[in-house]
Amino acid sequence: MIHLCRFCLLLTVIFSCTASAVVDLYEFDTEGQRQRYQNFVAELRCPKCQNQNLSGSNSPIAGDLRREVHRLIVSGASDDDITEFMVDRYGEFVLYKTRAQGAALVLWWAPAGLLLLGLLVLVWLLRSRRVSHSGDSELPAAITLSAAQQSKLDELLTQGRDSSADLEEKR
């Protein structure tokens, strides 16, 4: 009985895996058309599935798109016509390799621009630091204090020394 249950379970697993595979049989006039079809279903993304191409998706919309690609190829549409048709209908998302135009250019070039900006800021900071260090040798002239200011300064310094000496003795 246990062996029969295991056998049934094995058959269920085997048949469920093969039932989910996508198999489309399309007739083409030439081998070139078949190759173009294979390229398109590998390069076009399923609008429903997040990161699956049309050949790997078993969603109904992917099946519709595969049929549409087949129809367009057999009717003689060029690769650019098929791509434009898909983009017009489903947007740039349907392309795995996005076009370098508009907002996509910002996405492609923003990291390089930010890196360049960061390097420019770094160079500017290093130069300003170098200039400030070279100016250290030119200290301002000594400040002269009045007699009252000098006596107050001496008094504060003496109090500070006495306080620190008292603290050390307590330790």
Protein backbone atom coordinates (compact mmCIF):
# COMPACT_ATOMS: atom_id res chain seq x y z
CA MET A 1 0.00 0.00 0.00
CA ILE A 2 2.81 2.42 0.90
CA HIS A 3 4.58 1.64 -2.37
CA LEU A 4 1.42 2.39 -4.32
CA CYS A 5 1.04 5.79 -2.57
CA ARG A 6 4.66 6.67 -3.30
CA PHE A 7 4.23 5.64 -6.94
CA CYS A 8 1.09 7.80 -7.28
CA LEU A 9 2.86 10.73 -5.65
CA LEU A 10 5.80 10.33 -8.02
CA LEU A 11 3.51 10.27 -11.05
CA THR A 12 1.70 13.38 -9.81
CA VAL A 13 4.97 15.28 -9.43
CA ILE A 14 6.25 14.18 -12.83
CA PHE A 15 3.07 15.08 -14.70
CA SER A 16 2.56 18.37 -12.89
CA CYS A 17 6.06 19.54 -13.88
CA THR A 18 5.57 18.68 -17.52
CA ALA A 19 2.10 20.20 -17.58
CA SER A 20 3.44 23.61 -16.57
CA ALA A 21 6.01 23.77 -19.37
CA VAL A 22 5.30 26.26 -22.18
CA VAL A 23 5.16 24.58 -25.56
CA ASP A 24 4.02 26.55 -28.58
CA LEU A 25 4.08 24.98 -32.00
CA TYR A 26 4.11 27.57 -34.75
CA GLU A 27 4.62 27.04 -38.45
CA PHE A 28 7.13 29.26 -40.23
CA ASP A 29 7.90 29.62 -43.92
CA THR A 30 11.67 29.78 -43.42
CA GLU A 31 14.24 28.93 -40.79
CA GLY A 32 15.14 32.64 -40.64
CA GLN A 33 11.60 33.45 -39.48
CA ARG A 34 11.84 30.77 -36.79
CA GLN A 35 15.14 32.23 -35.59
CA ARG A 36 13.66 35.75 -35.48
CA TYR A 37 10.73 34.41 -33.46
CA GLN A 38 13.06 32.70 -30.99
CA ASN A 39 15.07 35.93 -30.62
CA PHE A 40 11.94 37.99 -29.97
CA VAL A 41 10.41 35.67 -27.38
CA ALA A 42 13.80 35.59 -25.60
CA GLU A 43 14.25 39.40 -25.68
CA LEU A 44 10.71 40.54 -24.90
CA ARG A 45 9.56 40.60 -21.27
CA CYS A 46 6.18 39.35 -20.11
CA PRO A 47 4.11 42.34 -18.88
CA LYS A 48 2.55 40.24 -16.12
CA CYS A 49 5.62 38.40 -14.88
CA GLN A 50 8.26 40.57 -13.27
CA ASN A 51 11.44 39.11 -14.72
CA GLN A 52 10.51 36.45 -17.24
CA ASN A 53 10.81 36.61 -20.96
CA LEU A 54 7.98 35.47 -23.22
CA SER A 55 9.50 32.05 -23.85
CA GLY A 56 9.69 31.23 -20.13
CA SER A 57 6.30 32.57 -19.06
CA ASN A 58 3.12 30.54 -19.05
CA SER A 59 0.77 33.46 -18.33
CA PRO A 60 -2.08 34.06 -20.77
CA ILE A 61 -0.73 37.49 -21.79
CA ALA A 62 2.64 35.91 -22.68
CA GLY A 63 0.83 33.39 -24.88
CA ASP A 64 -1.03 36.24 -26.60
CA LEU A 65 2.22 38.09 -27.18
CA ARG A 66 3.91 35.00 -28.62
CA ARG A 67 0.97 34.56 -31.01
CA GLU A 68 1.20 38.24 -31.96
CA VAL A 69 4.95 38.02 -32.61
CA HIS A 70 4.34 34.94 -34.77
CA ARG A 71 1.59 36.71 -36.72
CA LEU A 72 3.76 39.77 -37.31
CA ILE A 73 6.78 37.73 -38.43
CA VAL A 74 4.74 35.60 -40.83
CA SER A 75 3.05 38.73 -42.24
CA GLY A 76 6.49 40.14 -43.10
CA ALA A 77 6.94 42.84 -40.47
CA SER A 78 10.50 43.97 -39.85
CA ASP A 79 12.22 43.65 -36.46
CA ASP A 80 11.84 47.40 -35.87
CA ASP A 81 8.12 47.24 -36.70
CA ILE A 82 7.57 44.40 -34.24
CA THR A 83 9.54 46.18 -31.51
CA GLU A 84 7.63 49.43 -32.09
CA PHE A 85 4.31 47.58 -32.00
CA MET A 86 5.15 45.96 -28.67
CA VAL A 87 6.49 49.19 -27.13
CA ASP A 88 3.48 51.20 -28.32
CA ARG A 89 1.14 48.68 -26.80
CA TYR A 90 2.96 47.69 -23.57
CA GLY A 91 5.56 50.42 -22.98
CA GLU A 92 9.34 50.27 -22.58
CA PHE A 93 8.91 47.67 -19.82
CA VAL A 94 8.40 44.96 -22.43
CA LEU A 95 12.02 45.39 -23.61
CA TYR A 96 14.79 43.74 -21.62
CA LYS A 97 17.34 45.96 -23.36
CA THR A 98 15.91 49.44 -22.90
CA ARG A 99 16.57 52.14 -25.44
CA ALA A 100 19.04 54.89 -24.59
CA GLN A 101 16.67 57.85 -24.81
CA GLY A 102 14.79 60.22 -22.52
CA ALA A 103 14.47 59.10 -18.92
CA ALA A 104 16.60 56.02 -19.58
CA LEU A 105 19.57 58.29 -20.35
CA VAL A 106 19.25 59.88 -16.93
CA LEU A 107 19.27 56.43 -15.31
CA TRP A 108 22.31 55.36 -17.32
CA TRP A 109 24.39 58.52 -16.91
CA ALA A 110 23.41 59.69 -13.39
CA PRO A 111 25.89 57.38 -11.58
CA ALA A 112 28.76 58.52 -13.80
CA GLY A 113 27.76 62.17 -13.32
CA LEU A 114 27.56 61.77 -9.55
CA LEU A 115 30.96 60.06 -9.51
CA LEU A 116 32.46 62.92 -11.52
CA LEU A 117 30.85 65.47 -9.21
CA GLY A 118 32.25 63.64 -6.18
CA LEU A 119 35.74 63.64 -7.69
CA LEU A 120 35.51 67.36 -8.41
CA VAL A 121 34.45 68.08 -4.82
CA LEU A 122 37.31 65.91 -3.54
CA VAL A 123 39.86 67.77 -5.69
CA TRP A 124 38.44 71.10 -4.55
CA LEU A 125 38.66 70.08 -0.87
CA LEU A 126 42.24 68.82 -1.23
CA ARG A 127 43.34 72.02 -2.96
CA SER A 128 41.68 74.23 -0.37
CA ARG A 129 43.35 72.23 2.41
CA ARG A 130 46.75 72.57 0.72
CA VAL A 131 46.29 76.34 0.38
CA SER A 132 45.27 76.69 4.04
CA HIS A 133 48.31 74.66 5.23
CA SER A 134 50.73 76.70 3.15
CA GLY A 135 49.37 79.85 4.79
CA ASP A 136 50.19 78.61 8.34
CA SER A 137 53.73 80.06 8.23
CA GLU A 138 52.32 83.55 8.05
CA LEU A 139 50.89 83.90 11.56
CA PRO A 140 49.28 87.16 12.53
CA ALA A 141 51.35 89.65 14.53
CA ALA A 142 51.37 89.20 18.31
CA ILE A 143 48.59 90.95 20.17
CA THR A 144 49.70 93.42 22.78
CA LEU A 145 47.76 93.50 26.02
CA SER A 146 47.24 96.38 28.34
CA ALA A 147 48.69 96.14 31.85
CA ALA A 148 45.26 95.34 33.33
CA GLN A 149 44.62 92.61 30.77
CA GLN A 150 48.07 91.11 31.35
CA SER A 151 47.58 90.99 35.14
CA LYS A 152 44.14 89.36 34.73
CA LEU A 153 45.66 86.77 32.38
CA ASP A 154 48.47 86.00 34.85
CA GLU A 155 45.93 85.65 37.67
CA LEU A 156 43.80 83.18 35.65
CA LEU A 157 46.82 81.13 34.67
CA THR A 158 47.99 80.95 38.31
CA GLN A 159 44.52 79.85 39.46
CA GLY A 160 44.46 77.17 36.78
CA ARG A 161 47.83 75.81 37.83
CA ASP A 162 46.83 75.80 41.50
CA SER A 163 43.56 73.97 40.74
CA SER A 164 45.30 71.30 38.71
CA ALA A 165 47.97 70.88 41.42
CA ASP A 166 45.25 70.44 44.08
CA LEU A 167 43.53 67.80 41.99
CA GLU A 168 46.75 65.86 41.56
CA GLU A 169 47.43 65.94 45.33
CA LYS A 170 43.97 64.54 46.08
CA ARG A 171 44.62 61.55 43.86
